[in-house]
Amino acid sequence: MNPGETGWLKEYLDFRQELLRDITADRKHSSHPEHSLYSIIQPSGLMYGQPVGSYDLPNSDDWNEKDRMKILLAESLISSSLLFYDKPVKTPDELSKVIIKTLENIGNFYNNIFPELATPSKTLFGKRKTPLELAEKILNKRIDHTSKFDTNFWIQFFHNSLLFLDIFIFGQWIHTNADRIVSDFFKYEREELRFSVIKIIACAAHSNSKIEPEERRLLEFFLQSTELPHDKKREAKKIFDEGIILEEINLPTNNSWILKKYFLEIAILTIWADKLVEESELGFLKRLCTYLGFTEDDLENSLLAIEGFVLEHWDKLNYLQNKQDYNQLRKQFIERMRKATGANKNRLLNEVKESRELTDLLKKARAHELNEEEQEHMQELLIATIKTIPTFVIISLPQRFLTLPILMKILPDNFFAEVA
């Protein structure tokens, strides 16, 4: 499979049939489809403009970052459509129909809301393109048009993380009738949401009362990628130079959980830009959570999600290696995990006691050293156990980072002594 060649979208859909069926099944069990969508998008790196997630697809090791982002965008748009589909999908034929409708929606969405990507529905010879062909061409254009790939984390972040807004707006678009008034509304929303991100960045950058050189460069990167009108760009520069207080941001009134989560995590990463997170900046993040209707637990969960993502993909995030101290980040993440497991100790104990395999391995580990295969299996079982904590139903755990020795550190004190 090669995302750089014609026909990649069909190949992707063929290989991803099982995953797509799983998404429709997940929709039935999830308390909120936006939570499920976040659990798909966040670990992939798309929210942060970093296509570093794992890809269980043929020849994926040979893909470049542009190819990876193209697959992530396709997968996220299709996942959004399936998660928000309002009827049960029971058979392969029904799933195929939903996928075809989704492909039609992708073509209509970009042709109406992104005029710079407009793609004719017919060939030069008058033959009508299939929804699959049209969607593939438009997704190719979308990635070619605005994505930028660089070794600098922040350049990629502010060029490519805007793709998340495509997914968010698309999730609303699929429930409407695409007339001119609706199209104009979504074009306006696209511009306003991008401008809201600039205000979040400016507010976060000013939260310690000074603008660091790294933070100033963030705005320059971002303005290059937003394609805002000139008057909006002038206004954005003024906001960044003079600052803006939280109460003046006036974020969209849309009460979307995943959109607010995106704004929060944009702010966290902006503050990360100069490495040191000061008390004033942490105070800002807490106030932002209140402003967004989140609790401090929501902030803790986003910090866990971002730290876990960075630790899992540390070897691929070259720029952050210069901006974040790995040992300090590791220590912070382990402490947050210990707090989460400590608060759910009884739940974890019950899960372990119900797993005969895990109980037997723990007992054996007390008397003998486990071999490599047993250690790997114990690691898998412990991670599965931790995933039962409600927080980690939504947040992806960094499984490569969570080696057995680290798992021993994050579990509550005397945990294994209480396992019968």
Foldseek 3Di string as FASTA:
>chain_A
DALVDPPVLVVLCVVCVVVLLVLLVVLVVDPDLLLVLLLLQLLCCQLQLFRPHDDPDPPPVVYDRLSSLLSSLVVSLLSLQSSLDDDRQDDPVSSVVSVQLSLQLLLLLCVLQPVVLNDDQADPVGHGDRSSNSSSSSSNCVSVPFADDDLASLLSRLRRSLSVVVSVLSSVSSVDDDDNVVSVVSNVVLLQLLLLLLLLLLQLQCLVPDHDPLSVVSLVSNVVRSPHPPVSNVVSVVCNVVHDHPVPSCRDPPLDPNSLLSSLLSSVVSCLRQQDQDPSSVVVSCVSCVVSVHHVVSVLLSLLQVLQSCLLCVVSNVNVVVRYPNVVSLVVNLVSLLVLQVVVLVQLLVLQLVDPLLLVLLVVVVPDPDDPVSQVVNLVSLVVSSCVRVSNVSGPGSSVSSHPVSSVSSHYPCSSVPRD
